[in-house]
Amino acid sequence: MADHPSILGILFIFLCVGFTVIGQILVKMGMLEVGQSPSELGPMVIFIFSSLTNLRVLLGLGCAIAAALTWIIAISRSSLSFAYPFMALTVVLVLIMSGVIFKENIPINRWIGVGIVCTGIIIASR
């Protein structure tokens, strides 16, 4: 297997990243609707049921399955050592989307970390 994958391999790497990011955003949206998990064990069953019946949570979990399937294809077409560093893009994109969609305050140390991650991706992909 060549170290660098075909265009199709790269496409599936990025599809996996996309599904992962979209899935995380959808699960968070759903959990904002469901609410915070309870501290006691008794109400936990109701909380889990509410979570697993929330449409956004279900769509997010569906994206996780789609991400797993696209990942299987991606690594069948590329070396793991080439493909896996791109999964760090999920950290970058989720951080950006957290600020844009949820208006979360992103401290400077997280932006510095994202810069380091991006530098690592660039180095690892060469």
Protein backbone atom coordinates (compact mmCIF):
# COMPACT_ATOMS: atom_id res chain seq x y z
CA MET A 1 0.00 0.00 0.00
CA ALA A 2 1.36 3.41 -0.94
CA ASP A 3 2.04 5.86 1.87
CA HIS A 4 -0.23 8.46 0.27
CA PRO A 5 -3.75 7.36 -0.60
CA SER A 6 -5.71 7.97 -3.75
CA ILE A 7 -8.12 10.89 -4.10
CA LEU A 8 -10.88 8.49 -3.04
CA GLY A 9 -8.95 7.59 0.10
CA ILE A 10 -8.52 11.27 0.98
CA LEU A 11 -12.21 11.91 0.27
CA PHE A 12 -13.20 9.21 2.77
CA ILE A 13 -10.78 10.57 5.38
CA PHE A 14 -12.47 13.97 5.12
CA LEU A 15 -15.95 12.43 5.08
CA CYS A 16 -15.07 10.69 8.33
CA VAL A 17 -13.87 13.98 9.83
CA GLY A 18 -17.05 15.72 8.65
CA PHE A 19 -19.39 13.08 10.03
CA THR A 20 -17.52 13.10 13.34
CA VAL A 21 -17.77 16.88 13.72
CA ILE A 22 -21.42 17.06 12.65
CA GLY A 23 -22.23 14.19 15.01
CA GLN A 24 -20.61 15.93 17.98
CA ILE A 25 -22.48 19.17 17.25
CA LEU A 26 -25.80 17.35 16.91
CA VAL A 27 -25.31 15.42 20.15
CA LYS A 28 -24.50 18.65 21.99
CA MET A 29 -27.60 20.34 20.52
CA GLY A 30 -29.71 17.41 21.62
CA MET A 31 -28.24 17.39 25.10
CA LEU A 32 -28.99 21.10 25.48
CA GLU A 33 -32.63 20.12 24.91
CA VAL A 34 -32.51 17.13 27.27
CA GLY A 35 -30.58 18.87 30.03
CA GLN A 36 -27.77 17.98 32.39
CA SER A 37 -27.36 14.43 33.65
CA PRO A 38 -28.69 13.80 37.16
CA SER A 39 -26.43 13.15 40.11
CA GLU A 40 -28.51 10.27 41.48
CA LEU A 41 -28.76 6.84 39.90
CA GLY A 42 -32.59 6.65 39.99
CA PRO A 43 -33.35 9.49 37.53
CA MET A 44 -30.46 8.35 35.32
CA VAL A 45 -32.67 5.79 33.52
CA ILE A 46 -35.13 8.53 32.53
CA PHE A 47 -32.25 10.78 31.50
CA ILE A 48 -30.74 8.08 29.27
CA PHE A 49 -34.14 7.31 27.75
CA SER A 50 -34.74 11.00 27.07
CA SER A 51 -31.28 11.30 25.54
CA LEU A 52 -31.69 8.28 23.29
CA THR A 53 -35.11 9.41 22.08
CA ASN A 54 -33.99 12.94 21.24
CA LEU A 55 -33.90 13.39 17.46
CA ARG A 56 -30.68 15.41 17.43
CA VAL A 57 -28.90 12.90 19.66
CA LEU A 58 -30.06 10.07 17.40
CA LEU A 59 -28.90 11.92 14.30
CA GLY A 60 -25.55 12.57 16.01
CA LEU A 61 -25.19 8.88 16.83
CA GLY A 62 -26.10 8.10 13.21
CA CYS A 63 -23.28 10.39 12.13
CA ALA A 64 -20.94 8.45 14.43
CA ILE A 65 -21.92 5.24 12.62
CA ALA A 66 -21.42 6.95 9.24
CA ALA A 67 -18.01 8.18 10.44
CA ALA A 68 -17.04 4.64 11.42
CA LEU A 69 -18.09 3.29 8.02
CA THR A 70 -16.24 5.99 6.11
CA TRP A 71 -13.19 5.39 8.31
CA ILE A 72 -13.20 1.70 7.39
CA ILE A 73 -13.10 2.66 3.72
CA ALA A 74 -10.50 5.39 4.31
CA ILE A 75 -8.00 3.11 6.03
CA SER A 76 -8.55 0.36 3.48
CA ARG A 77 -7.25 2.83 0.90
CA SER A 78 -4.42 4.47 2.85
CA SER A 79 -1.89 3.74 5.50
CA LEU A 80 -3.08 4.31 9.05
CA SER A 81 -0.04 6.44 9.79
CA PHE A 82 -1.09 8.82 6.99
CA ALA A 83 -4.84 8.87 7.67
CA TYR A 84 -4.96 9.05 11.46
CA PRO A 85 -3.32 12.47 11.97
CA PHE A 86 -6.20 13.99 9.98
CA MET A 87 -8.58 12.88 12.72
CA ALA A 88 -7.05 15.70 14.78
CA LEU A 89 -8.98 18.05 12.49
CA THR A 90 -12.06 17.06 14.48
CA VAL A 91 -10.57 18.82 17.50
CA VAL A 92 -9.97 21.96 15.45
CA LEU A 93 -13.38 22.00 13.78
CA VAL A 94 -15.36 21.18 16.92
CA LEU A 95 -13.57 23.97 18.77
CA ILE A 96 -14.41 26.46 16.02
CA MET A 97 -18.02 25.27 15.76
CA SER A 98 -18.43 25.45 19.55
CA GLY A 99 -17.70 29.16 19.41
CA VAL A 100 -19.80 29.82 16.31
CA ILE A 101 -22.88 27.70 17.06
CA PHE A 102 -23.00 27.59 20.86
CA LYS A 103 -21.32 30.95 21.49
CA GLU A 104 -18.89 29.25 23.86
CA ASN A 105 -15.99 31.34 25.09
CA ILE A 106 -12.81 29.75 23.74
CA PRO A 107 -9.77 30.66 25.87
CA ILE A 108 -6.49 31.55 24.17
CA ASN A 109 -4.75 28.40 25.43
CA ARG A 110 -7.20 26.28 23.38
CA TRP A 111 -6.46 28.35 20.26
CA ILE A 112 -2.75 27.85 20.86
CA GLY A 113 -3.38 24.12 21.18
CA VAL A 114 -5.32 24.13 17.91
CA GLY A 115 -2.39 25.90 16.25
CA ILE A 116 -0.06 23.19 17.50
CA VAL A 117 -2.44 20.48 16.26
CA CYS A 118 -2.64 22.10 12.81
CA THR A 119 1.14 22.31 12.64
CA GLY A 120 1.34 18.62 13.54
CA ILE A 121 -1.17 17.70 10.83
CA ILE A 122 0.83 19.60 8.23
CA ILE A 123 4.07 17.93 9.28
CA ALA A 124 2.51 14.44 9.48
CA SER A 125 0.80 14.68 6.08
CA ARG A 126 4.05 15.30 4.20
